[in-house]
């Protein structure tokens, strides 16, 4: 195993550990998507432009893509946030982890979370809680940038399917 392979494996292990830790702490319950009329969309991408530019990741194009897919699938997107609004947080982050043979390698995380107001059991205070999540991570070169985009599409498809399943249950029970 050469030095590049060891560094890449180490980086992916760290990324996987972080993503797995976060995933293990969060619920992923499709039923919590029921009875919401719309979602408030929040998108974050890397704050440093160079990495995003190298892989073609731009917040504006990501936002247009997600909005378009949600609307195409009948999910209304709200431009205002209220205490009852479901927030769809889309976070795509990447970091240049190494350079070998004139090729940059980037670690990435694509994470979608549904966040909503919940009551705390101890003091009945309201707080935001993540109730559904989908996460993909990996490492890519510039030539493999489509894998990063594919991870976003897969997470978005998972959210749309969970939303449709949760709300199909509501429609069936309302028609009885």
N, C-alpha and C. Protein backbone atom coordinates (compact mmCIF):
# COMPACT_ATOMS: atom_id res chain seq x y z
N UNK A 1 0.86 -1.17 0.00
CA UNK A 1 0.00 0.00 0.00
C UNK A 1 0.90 1.23 0.00
N UNK A 2 0.69 2.14 -0.94
CA UNK A 2 1.54 3.32 -1.01
C UNK A 2 1.02 4.43 -0.09
N UNK A 3 1.81 5.49 0.02
CA UNK A 3 1.47 6.59 0.92
C UNK A 3 0.14 7.24 0.54
N UNK A 4 -0.12 7.41 -0.76
CA UNK A 4 -1.39 8.00 -1.22
C UNK A 4 -2.57 7.17 -0.73
N UNK A 5 -2.49 5.86 -0.86
CA UNK A 5 -3.58 4.98 -0.44
C UNK A 5 -3.81 5.06 1.07
N UNK A 6 -2.72 5.13 1.82
CA UNK A 6 -2.84 5.21 3.28
C UNK A 6 -3.50 6.53 3.68
N UNK A 7 -3.07 7.65 3.07
CA UNK A 7 -3.66 8.95 3.40
C UNK A 7 -5.13 9.01 3.01
N UNK A 8 -5.46 8.48 1.84
CA UNK A 8 -6.85 8.48 1.39
C UNK A 8 -7.71 7.60 2.31
N UNK A 9 -7.20 6.43 2.66
CA UNK A 9 -7.96 5.54 3.55
C UNK A 9 -8.16 6.20 4.91
N UNK A 10 -7.14 6.86 5.43
CA UNK A 10 -7.24 7.54 6.72
C UNK A 10 -8.28 8.65 6.66
N UNK A 11 -8.24 9.43 5.60
CA UNK A 11 -9.19 10.53 5.45
C UNK A 11 -10.62 10.01 5.36
N UNK A 12 -10.83 8.97 4.56
CA UNK A 12 -12.19 8.41 4.44
C UNK A 12 -12.65 7.82 5.77
N UNK A 13 -11.75 7.23 6.52
CA UNK A 13 -12.13 6.71 7.83
C UNK A 13 -12.61 7.82 8.75
N UNK A 14 -11.89 8.95 8.75
CA UNK A 14 -12.29 10.09 9.59
C UNK A 14 -13.63 10.63 9.14
N UNK A 15 -13.80 10.83 7.82
CA UNK A 15 -15.06 11.33 7.29
C UNK A 15 -16.20 10.37 7.63
N UNK A 16 -15.96 9.08 7.45
CA UNK A 16 -16.99 8.08 7.75
C UNK A 16 -17.33 8.08 9.24
N UNK A 17 -16.33 8.22 10.08
CA UNK A 17 -16.57 8.25 11.53
C UNK A 17 -17.42 9.44 11.92
N UNK A 18 -17.09 10.60 11.37
CA UNK A 18 -17.87 11.80 11.68
C UNK A 18 -19.30 11.64 11.20
N UNK A 19 -19.45 11.21 9.95
CA UNK A 19 -20.80 11.06 9.39
C UNK A 19 -21.58 9.99 10.14
N UNK A 20 -20.94 8.88 10.49
CA UNK A 20 -21.63 7.80 11.21
C UNK A 20 -22.03 8.25 12.60
N UNK A 21 -21.16 9.00 13.27
CA UNK A 21 -21.48 9.51 14.60
C UNK A 21 -22.70 10.41 14.53
N UNK A 22 -22.69 11.33 13.56
CA UNK A 22 -23.83 12.24 13.41
C UNK A 22 -25.09 11.44 13.07
N UNK A 23 -24.96 10.47 12.18
CA UNK A 23 -26.12 9.69 11.78
C UNK A 23 -26.68 8.90 12.96
N UNK A 24 -25.79 8.34 13.78
CA UNK A 24 -26.24 7.53 14.91
C UNK A 24 -26.98 8.33 15.95
N UNK A 25 -26.76 9.63 16.01
CA UNK A 25 -27.41 10.46 17.02
C UNK A 25 -28.75 11.00 16.56
N UNK A 26 -29.08 10.83 15.32
CA UNK A 26 -30.28 11.45 14.77
C UNK A 26 -31.33 10.40 14.43
N UNK A 27 -32.57 10.75 14.66
CA UNK A 27 -33.67 9.90 14.25
C UNK A 27 -33.86 10.04 12.75
N UNK A 28 -34.40 9.03 12.13
CA UNK A 28 -34.75 9.13 10.72
C UNK A 28 -36.13 8.49 10.57
N UNK A 29 -37.13 9.27 10.88
CA UNK A 29 -38.47 8.76 10.97
C UNK A 29 -39.36 9.44 9.93
N UNK A 30 -39.77 8.67 8.93
CA UNK A 30 -40.60 9.22 7.85
C UNK A 30 -41.92 9.76 8.37
N UNK A 31 -42.45 9.18 9.44
CA UNK A 31 -43.74 9.63 9.96
C UNK A 31 -43.69 11.07 10.44
N UNK A 32 -42.51 11.57 10.81
CA UNK A 32 -42.41 12.95 11.26
C UNK A 32 -42.57 13.94 10.10
N UNK A 33 -42.61 13.43 8.88
CA UNK A 33 -42.82 14.29 7.70
C UNK A 33 -44.31 14.47 7.41
N UNK A 34 -45.15 13.75 8.12
CA UNK A 34 -46.61 13.85 7.91
C UNK A 34 -47.14 15.21 8.32
N UNK A 35 -48.23 15.57 7.65
CA UNK A 35 -49.02 16.76 7.99
C UNK A 35 -48.32 18.09 7.78
N UNK A 36 -47.19 18.09 7.14
CA UNK A 36 -46.54 19.36 6.78
C UNK A 36 -47.01 19.75 5.39
N UNK A 37 -47.34 21.00 5.23
CA UNK A 37 -47.83 21.49 3.93
C UNK A 37 -46.70 21.94 3.01
N UNK A 38 -45.57 22.33 3.62
CA UNK A 38 -44.45 22.82 2.83
C UNK A 38 -43.16 22.65 3.62
N UNK A 39 -42.06 22.89 2.95
CA UNK A 39 -40.75 22.87 3.60
C UNK A 39 -40.07 24.21 3.40
N UNK A 40 -39.28 24.59 4.35
CA UNK A 40 -38.42 25.77 4.24
C UNK A 40 -37.04 25.23 3.91
N UNK A 41 -36.46 25.68 2.81
CA UNK A 41 -35.20 25.14 2.31
C UNK A 41 -34.02 25.96 2.80
N UNK A 42 -33.04 25.29 3.38
CA UNK A 42 -31.80 25.92 3.84
C UNK A 42 -30.64 25.14 3.24
N UNK A 43 -29.83 25.81 2.43
CA UNK A 43 -28.72 25.13 1.75
C UNK A 43 -27.39 25.75 2.16
N UNK A 44 -26.45 24.89 2.52
CA UNK A 44 -25.10 25.37 2.80
C UNK A 44 -24.11 24.60 1.93
N UNK A 45 -23.13 25.33 1.45
CA UNK A 45 -22.04 24.76 0.66
C UNK A 45 -20.74 25.31 1.23
N UNK A 46 -19.61 24.81 0.79
CA UNK A 46 -18.35 25.29 1.35
C UNK A 46 -18.20 26.81 1.25
N UNK A 47 -17.67 27.41 2.29
CA UNK A 47 -17.48 28.86 2.31
C UNK A 47 -16.30 29.28 1.43
N UNK A 48 -15.42 28.36 1.13
CA UNK A 48 -14.25 28.67 0.32
C UNK A 48 -14.57 28.33 -1.13
N UNK A 49 -14.44 29.32 -1.98
CA UNK A 49 -14.86 29.20 -3.38
C UNK A 49 -13.99 28.27 -4.21
N UNK A 50 -12.71 28.20 -3.94
CA UNK A 50 -11.80 27.46 -4.82
C UNK A 50 -12.18 25.98 -4.93
N UNK A 51 -12.46 25.35 -3.80
CA UNK A 51 -12.80 23.93 -3.82
C UNK A 51 -14.09 23.70 -4.59
N UNK A 52 -15.10 24.50 -4.31
CA UNK A 52 -16.37 24.37 -5.02
C UNK A 52 -16.23 24.64 -6.49
N UNK A 53 -15.40 25.60 -6.83
CA UNK A 53 -15.19 25.93 -8.24
C UNK A 53 -14.51 24.77 -8.97
N UNK A 54 -13.57 24.12 -8.31
CA UNK A 54 -12.87 23.00 -8.92
C UNK A 54 -13.81 21.85 -9.26
N UNK A 55 -14.83 21.64 -8.45
CA UNK A 55 -15.77 20.54 -8.68
C UNK A 55 -17.11 21.02 -9.23
N UNK A 56 -17.24 22.30 -9.51
CA UNK A 56 -18.48 22.82 -10.07
C UNK A 56 -19.62 22.90 -9.08
N UNK A 57 -19.31 23.05 -7.81
CA UNK A 57 -20.34 23.13 -6.77
C UNK A 57 -20.64 24.58 -6.46
N UNK A 58 -21.81 25.03 -6.85
CA UNK A 58 -22.22 26.41 -6.59
C UNK A 58 -23.56 26.38 -5.86
N UNK A 59 -23.66 27.16 -4.80
CA UNK A 59 -24.86 27.18 -3.97
C UNK A 59 -26.10 27.51 -4.79
N UNK A 60 -26.00 28.50 -5.67
CA UNK A 60 -27.17 28.94 -6.45
C UNK A 60 -27.69 27.83 -7.36
N UNK A 61 -26.80 27.12 -8.04
CA UNK A 61 -27.27 26.06 -8.93
C UNK A 61 -27.81 24.87 -8.13
N UNK A 62 -27.20 24.59 -6.97
CA UNK A 62 -27.71 23.52 -6.11
C UNK A 62 -29.11 23.88 -5.61
N UNK A 63 -29.30 25.13 -5.20
CA UNK A 63 -30.61 25.57 -4.72
C UNK A 63 -31.66 25.48 -5.82
N UNK A 64 -31.32 25.93 -7.03
CA UNK A 64 -32.28 25.83 -8.16
C UNK A 64 -32.64 24.38 -8.44
N UNK A 65 -31.65 23.50 -8.41
CA UNK A 65 -31.89 22.09 -8.68
C UNK A 65 -32.82 21.48 -7.64
N UNK A 66 -32.53 21.71 -6.35
CA UNK A 66 -33.34 21.13 -5.28
C UNK A 66 -34.76 21.69 -5.33
N UNK A 67 -34.90 23.01 -5.49
CA UNK A 67 -36.23 23.62 -5.60
C UNK A 67 -37.03 23.01 -6.74
N UNK A 68 -36.39 22.88 -7.89
CA UNK A 68 -37.06 22.34 -9.06
C UNK A 68 -37.55 20.91 -8.82
N UNK A 69 -36.69 20.08 -8.24
CA UNK A 69 -37.07 18.68 -7.99
C UNK A 69 -38.18 18.57 -6.95
N UNK A 70 -38.12 19.40 -5.91
CA UNK A 70 -39.17 19.37 -4.90
C UNK A 70 -40.51 19.76 -5.51
N UNK A 71 -40.53 20.87 -6.25
CA UNK A 71 -41.77 21.34 -6.87
C UNK A 71 -42.30 20.33 -7.89
N UNK A 72 -41.40 19.74 -8.68
CA UNK A 72 -41.80 18.75 -9.67
C UNK A 72 -42.49 17.55 -9.02
N UNK A 73 -42.11 17.26 -7.78
CA UNK A 73 -42.69 16.13 -7.05
C UNK A 73 -43.82 16.55 -6.11
N UNK A 74 -44.34 17.76 -6.30
CA UNK A 74 -45.51 18.20 -5.56
C UNK A 74 -45.25 18.68 -4.14
N UNK A 75 -44.00 18.96 -3.82
CA UNK A 75 -43.67 19.44 -2.48
C UNK A 75 -43.52 20.95 -2.54
N UNK A 76 -44.36 21.64 -1.78
CA UNK A 76 -44.32 23.11 -1.78
C UNK A 76 -43.15 23.58 -0.94
N UNK A 77 -42.50 24.63 -1.44
CA UNK A 77 -41.37 25.21 -0.71
C UNK A 77 -41.79 26.59 -0.23
N UNK A 78 -41.66 26.81 1.07
CA UNK A 78 -42.04 28.08 1.68
C UNK A 78 -40.84 29.02 1.74
N UNK A 79 -41.11 30.29 1.57
CA UNK A 79 -40.04 31.29 1.69
C UNK A 79 -40.02 31.93 3.07
N UNK A 80 -40.98 31.56 3.91
CA UNK A 80 -41.03 32.11 5.26
C UNK A 80 -40.96 30.96 6.28
N UNK A 81 -40.32 31.24 7.37
CA UNK A 81 -40.19 30.24 8.43
C UNK A 81 -41.11 30.60 9.59
N UNK A 82 -41.88 29.62 10.02
CA UNK A 82 -42.68 29.78 11.24
C UNK A 82 -42.32 28.62 12.16
N UNK A 83 -42.82 28.64 13.37
CA UNK A 83 -42.52 27.60 14.33
C UNK A 83 -43.04 26.23 13.89
N UNK A 84 -43.99 26.21 12.98
CA UNK A 84 -44.58 24.95 12.53
C UNK A 84 -43.98 24.44 11.22
N UNK A 85 -43.02 25.15 10.67
CA UNK A 85 -42.46 24.81 9.38
C UNK A 85 -41.42 23.70 9.51
N UNK A 86 -41.46 22.78 8.56
CA UNK A 86 -40.43 21.76 8.46
C UNK A 86 -39.27 22.37 7.68
N UNK A 87 -38.09 22.29 8.22
CA UNK A 87 -36.90 22.83 7.55
C UNK A 87 -36.17 21.67 6.88
N UNK A 88 -35.90 21.82 5.60
CA UNK A 88 -35.06 20.86 4.90
C UNK A 88 -33.68 21.49 4.79
N UNK A 89 -32.75 21.00 5.59
CA UNK A 89 -31.38 21.52 5.57
C UNK A 89 -30.55 20.63 4.65
N UNK A 90 -29.98 21.27 3.64
CA UNK A 90 -29.13 20.57 2.69
C UNK A 90 -27.72 21.10 2.90
N UNK A 91 -26.82 20.21 3.27
CA UNK A 91 -25.44 20.60 3.48
C UNK A 91 -24.55 19.75 2.59
N UNK A 92 -23.81 20.42 1.73
CA UNK A 92 -22.82 19.74 0.90
C UNK A 92 -21.48 20.39 1.22
N UNK A 93 -20.58 19.58 1.73
CA UNK A 93 -19.28 20.12 2.11
C UNK A 93 -18.20 19.26 1.49
N UNK A 94 -17.11 19.90 1.14
CA UNK A 94 -15.97 19.17 0.62
C UNK A 94 -14.69 19.86 1.01
N UNK A 95 -13.65 19.07 1.02
CA UNK A 95 -12.37 19.54 1.48
C UNK A 95 -11.28 18.86 0.67
N UNK A 96 -10.36 19.65 0.16
CA UNK A 96 -9.21 19.08 -0.55
C UNK A 96 -8.34 18.40 0.50
N UNK A 97 -8.13 17.09 0.35
CA UNK A 97 -7.40 16.35 1.37
C UNK A 97 -5.98 15.98 0.96
N UNK A 98 -5.74 15.88 -0.33
CA UNK A 98 -4.38 15.58 -0.76
C UNK A 98 -4.21 15.83 -2.25
N UNK A 99 -2.96 15.89 -2.64
CA UNK A 99 -2.60 16.06 -4.05
C UNK A 99 -1.53 15.03 -4.36
N UNK A 100 -1.77 14.26 -5.41
CA UNK A 100 -0.82 13.24 -5.81
C UNK A 100 -0.79 13.16 -7.33
N UNK A 101 0.41 13.13 -7.87
CA UNK A 101 0.58 13.04 -9.33
C UNK A 101 -0.24 14.10 -10.04
N UNK A 102 -0.19 15.33 -9.55
CA UNK A 102 -0.90 16.47 -10.11
C UNK A 102 -2.42 16.31 -10.11
N UNK A 103 -2.93 15.47 -9.22
CA UNK A 103 -4.38 15.26 -9.10
C UNK A 103 -4.81 15.58 -7.68
N UNK A 104 -5.79 16.48 -7.54
CA UNK A 104 -6.35 16.81 -6.23
C UNK A 104 -7.42 15.80 -5.87
N UNK A 105 -7.45 15.40 -4.60
CA UNK A 105 -8.48 14.49 -4.09
C UNK A 105 -9.26 15.26 -3.02
N UNK A 106 -10.59 15.20 -3.12
CA UNK A 106 -11.49 15.91 -2.21
C UNK A 106 -12.35 14.92 -1.45
N UNK A 107 -12.47 15.10 -0.14
CA UNK A 107 -13.42 14.34 0.66
C UNK A 107 -14.72 15.15 0.66
N UNK A 108 -15.86 14.46 0.57
CA UNK A 108 -17.14 15.18 0.56
C UNK A 108 -18.15 14.52 1.48
N UNK A 109 -19.09 15.34 1.93
CA UNK A 109 -20.25 14.88 2.69
C UNK A 109 -21.47 15.58 2.10
N UNK A 110 -22.48 14.81 1.77
CA UNK A 110 -23.76 15.33 1.29
C UNK A 110 -24.80 14.90 2.32
N UNK A 111 -25.39 15.89 3.00
CA UNK A 111 -26.31 15.55 4.08
C UNK A 111 -27.61 16.34 3.96
N UNK A 112 -28.72 15.64 4.02
CA UNK A 112 -30.05 16.24 4.02
C UNK A 112 -30.68 15.92 5.37
N UNK A 113 -31.24 16.95 6.02
CA UNK A 113 -31.90 16.76 7.30
C UNK A 113 -33.23 17.48 7.32
N UNK A 114 -34.25 16.81 7.85
CA UNK A 114 -35.53 17.46 8.12
C UNK A 114 -35.51 17.86 9.59
N UNK A 115 -35.70 19.14 9.83
CA UNK A 115 -35.62 19.69 11.19
C UNK A 115 -36.96 20.37 11.48
N UNK A 116 -37.47 20.17 12.70
CA UNK A 116 -38.74 20.79 13.05
C UNK A 116 -38.80 21.05 14.55
N UNK A 117 -39.75 21.87 14.92
CA UNK A 117 -39.94 22.19 16.33
C UNK A 117 -40.43 20.96 17.08
N UNK A 118 -39.90 20.77 18.26
CA UNK A 118 -40.31 19.66 19.12
C UNK A 118 -40.35 20.16 20.56
N UNK A 119 -41.11 19.47 21.40
CA UNK A 119 -41.19 19.82 22.82
C UNK A 119 -40.23 18.93 23.60
N UNK A 120 -39.44 19.55 24.45
CA UNK A 120 -38.54 18.79 25.31
C UNK A 120 -39.33 18.14 26.43
N UNK A 121 -39.01 16.90 26.74
CA UNK A 121 -39.74 16.16 27.77
C UNK A 121 -39.53 16.74 29.16
N UNK A 122 -38.36 17.25 29.44
CA UNK A 122 -38.05 17.69 30.80
C UNK A 122 -38.76 18.98 31.20
N UNK A 123 -38.78 19.97 30.30
CA UNK A 123 -39.36 21.26 30.70
C UNK A 123 -40.39 21.80 29.70
N UNK A 124 -40.76 20.98 28.74
CA UNK A 124 -41.79 21.33 27.74
C UNK A 124 -41.42 22.55 26.89
N UNK A 125 -40.15 22.94 26.90
CA UNK A 125 -39.69 24.03 26.05
C UNK A 125 -39.62 23.55 24.61
N UNK A 126 -39.79 24.48 23.70
CA UNK A 126 -39.70 24.16 22.29
C UNK A 126 -38.25 24.24 21.83
N UNK A 127 -37.85 23.29 20.99
CA UNK A 127 -36.49 23.26 20.45
C UNK A 127 -36.55 22.65 19.05
N UNK A 128 -35.55 22.93 18.25
CA UNK A 128 -35.47 22.31 16.93
C UNK A 128 -34.82 20.94 17.06
N UNK A 129 -35.41 19.97 16.36
CA UNK A 129 -34.88 18.60 16.40
C UNK A 129 -34.81 18.04 14.99
N UNK A 130 -33.77 17.30 14.73
CA UNK A 130 -33.64 16.60 13.46
C UNK A 130 -34.46 15.32 13.56
N UNK A 131 -35.40 15.14 12.63
CA UNK A 131 -36.28 13.97 12.70
C UNK A 131 -36.12 13.03 11.51
N UNK A 132 -35.37 13.46 10.51
CA UNK A 132 -35.11 12.61 9.35
C UNK A 132 -33.78 13.03 8.76
N UNK A 133 -32.98 12.07 8.30
CA UNK A 133 -31.69 12.41 7.72
C UNK A 133 -31.25 11.39 6.68
N UNK A 134 -30.49 11.87 5.72
CA UNK A 134 -29.84 11.01 4.72
C UNK A 134 -28.44 11.59 4.50
N UNK A 135 -27.44 10.73 4.54
CA UNK A 135 -26.05 11.19 4.41
C UNK A 135 -25.28 10.29 3.46
N UNK A 136 -24.51 10.91 2.61
CA UNK A 136 -23.58 10.20 1.73
C UNK A 136 -22.23 10.88 1.88
N UNK A 137 -21.15 10.12 1.77
CA UNK A 137 -19.82 10.69 1.85
C UNK A 137 -18.87 9.87 1.00
N UNK A 138 -17.73 10.46 0.68
CA UNK A 138 -16.74 9.76 -0.12
C UNK A 138 -15.58 10.67 -0.46
N UNK A 139 -14.84 10.25 -1.46
CA UNK A 139 -13.71 11.03 -1.95
C UNK A 139 -13.74 11.00 -3.47
N UNK A 140 -13.45 12.13 -4.08
CA UNK A 140 -13.49 12.26 -5.53
C UNK A 140 -12.34 13.12 -6.03
N UNK A 141 -12.03 12.93 -7.29
CA UNK A 141 -11.13 13.84 -8.00
C UNK A 141 -12.02 14.73 -8.87
N UNK A 142 -11.41 15.69 -9.53
CA UNK A 142 -12.19 16.58 -10.40
C UNK A 142 -12.91 15.78 -11.49
N UNK A 143 -12.25 14.76 -12.00
CA UNK A 143 -12.86 13.93 -13.05
C UNK A 143 -14.03 13.11 -12.52
N UNK A 144 -14.09 12.91 -11.22
CA UNK A 144 -15.16 12.12 -10.62
C UNK A 144 -16.23 12.99 -9.95
N UNK A 145 -16.26 14.27 -10.26
CA UNK A 145 -17.20 15.20 -9.62
C UNK A 145 -18.65 14.75 -9.74
N UNK A 146 -18.96 13.99 -10.77
CA UNK A 146 -20.35 13.53 -10.94
C UNK A 146 -20.78 12.65 -9.77
N UNK A 147 -19.83 12.00 -9.09
CA UNK A 147 -20.19 11.18 -7.92
C UNK A 147 -20.72 12.04 -6.78
N UNK A 148 -20.16 13.24 -6.63
CA UNK A 148 -20.68 14.19 -5.63
C UNK A 148 -22.10 14.60 -6.00
N UNK A 149 -22.31 14.95 -7.26
CA UNK A 149 -23.66 15.32 -7.70
C UNK A 149 -24.63 14.15 -7.54
N UNK A 150 -24.17 12.94 -7.85
CA UNK A 150 -25.03 11.76 -7.68
C UNK A 150 -25.44 11.58 -6.22
N UNK A 151 -24.54 11.88 -5.29
CA UNK A 151 -24.87 11.73 -3.87
C UNK A 151 -25.97 12.71 -3.46
N UNK A 152 -25.94 13.91 -4.04
CA UNK A 152 -26.98 14.90 -3.76
C UNK A 152 -28.32 14.40 -4.31
N UNK A 153 -28.31 13.89 -5.53
CA UNK A 153 -29.53 13.39 -6.16
C UNK A 153 -30.10 12.22 -5.35
N UNK A 154 -29.23 11.31 -4.89
CA UNK A 154 -29.69 10.17 -4.10
C UNK A 154 -30.33 10.62 -2.79
N UNK A 155 -29.70 11.58 -2.11
CA UNK A 155 -30.29 12.08 -0.86
C UNK A 155 -31.62 12.78 -1.11
N UNK A 156 -31.68 13.57 -2.17
CA UNK A 156 -32.92 14.26 -2.51
C UNK A 156 -34.01 13.26 -2.86
N UNK A 157 -33.67 12.24 -3.63
CA UNK A 157 -34.65 11.19 -3.97
C UNK A 157 -35.15 10.49 -2.71
N UNK A 158 -34.25 10.24 -1.74
CA UNK A 158 -34.66 9.62 -0.48
C UNK A 158 -35.65 10.51 0.27
N UNK A 159 -35.37 11.83 0.31
CA UNK A 159 -36.29 12.74 1.00
C UNK A 159 -37.65 12.75 0.31
N UNK A 160 -37.66 12.86 -1.01
CA UNK A 160 -38.92 12.91 -1.75
C UNK A 160 -39.71 11.63 -1.53
N UNK A 161 -39.04 10.49 -1.57
CA UNK A 161 -39.73 9.21 -1.36
C UNK A 161 -40.30 9.13 0.06
N UNK A 162 -39.52 9.57 1.06
CA UNK A 162 -40.00 9.54 2.45
C UNK A 162 -41.18 10.49 2.62
N UNK A 163 -41.09 11.68 2.03
CA UNK A 163 -42.18 12.67 2.10
C UNK A 163 -43.45 12.09 1.47
N UNK A 164 -43.31 11.52 0.27
CA UNK A 164 -44.47 10.96 -0.42
C UNK A 164 -45.07 9.79 0.34
N UNK A 165 -44.23 8.94 0.91
CA UNK A 165 -44.73 7.81 1.69
C UNK A 165 -45.48 8.29 2.93
N UNK A 166 -44.91 9.25 3.64
CA UNK A 166 -45.54 9.76 4.85
C UNK A 166 -46.86 10.44 4.54
N UNK A 167 -46.92 11.18 3.46
CA UNK A 167 -48.13 11.91 3.15
C UNK A 167 -49.14 11.07 2.38
N UNK A 168 -48.72 9.99 1.77
CA UNK A 168 -49.68 9.06 1.17
C UNK A 168 -50.46 8.37 2.28
N UNK A 169 -49.80 8.09 3.39
CA UNK A 169 -50.47 7.48 4.55
C UNK A 169 -51.53 8.42 5.09
N UNK A 170 -51.23 9.70 5.12
CA UNK A 170 -52.18 10.70 5.60
C UNK A 170 -53.38 10.75 4.67
N UNK A 171 -53.14 10.76 3.35
CA UNK A 171 -54.22 10.83 2.37
C UNK A 171 -55.12 9.62 2.45
N UNK A 172 -54.53 8.42 2.62
CA UNK A 172 -55.32 7.19 2.72
C UNK A 172 -56.17 7.23 3.99
N UNK A 173 -55.61 7.63 5.12
CA UNK A 173 -56.38 7.63 6.36
C UNK A 173 -57.45 8.73 6.35
N UNK A 174 -57.22 9.82 5.64
CA UNK A 174 -58.22 10.89 5.54
C UNK A 174 -59.40 10.50 4.64
N UNK A 175 -59.16 9.56 3.70
CA UNK A 175 -60.22 9.19 2.77
C UNK A 175 -61.13 8.08 3.35
N UNK A 176 -60.77 7.53 4.48
CA UNK A 176 -61.60 6.45 5.08
C UNK A 176 -62.79 7.01 5.79
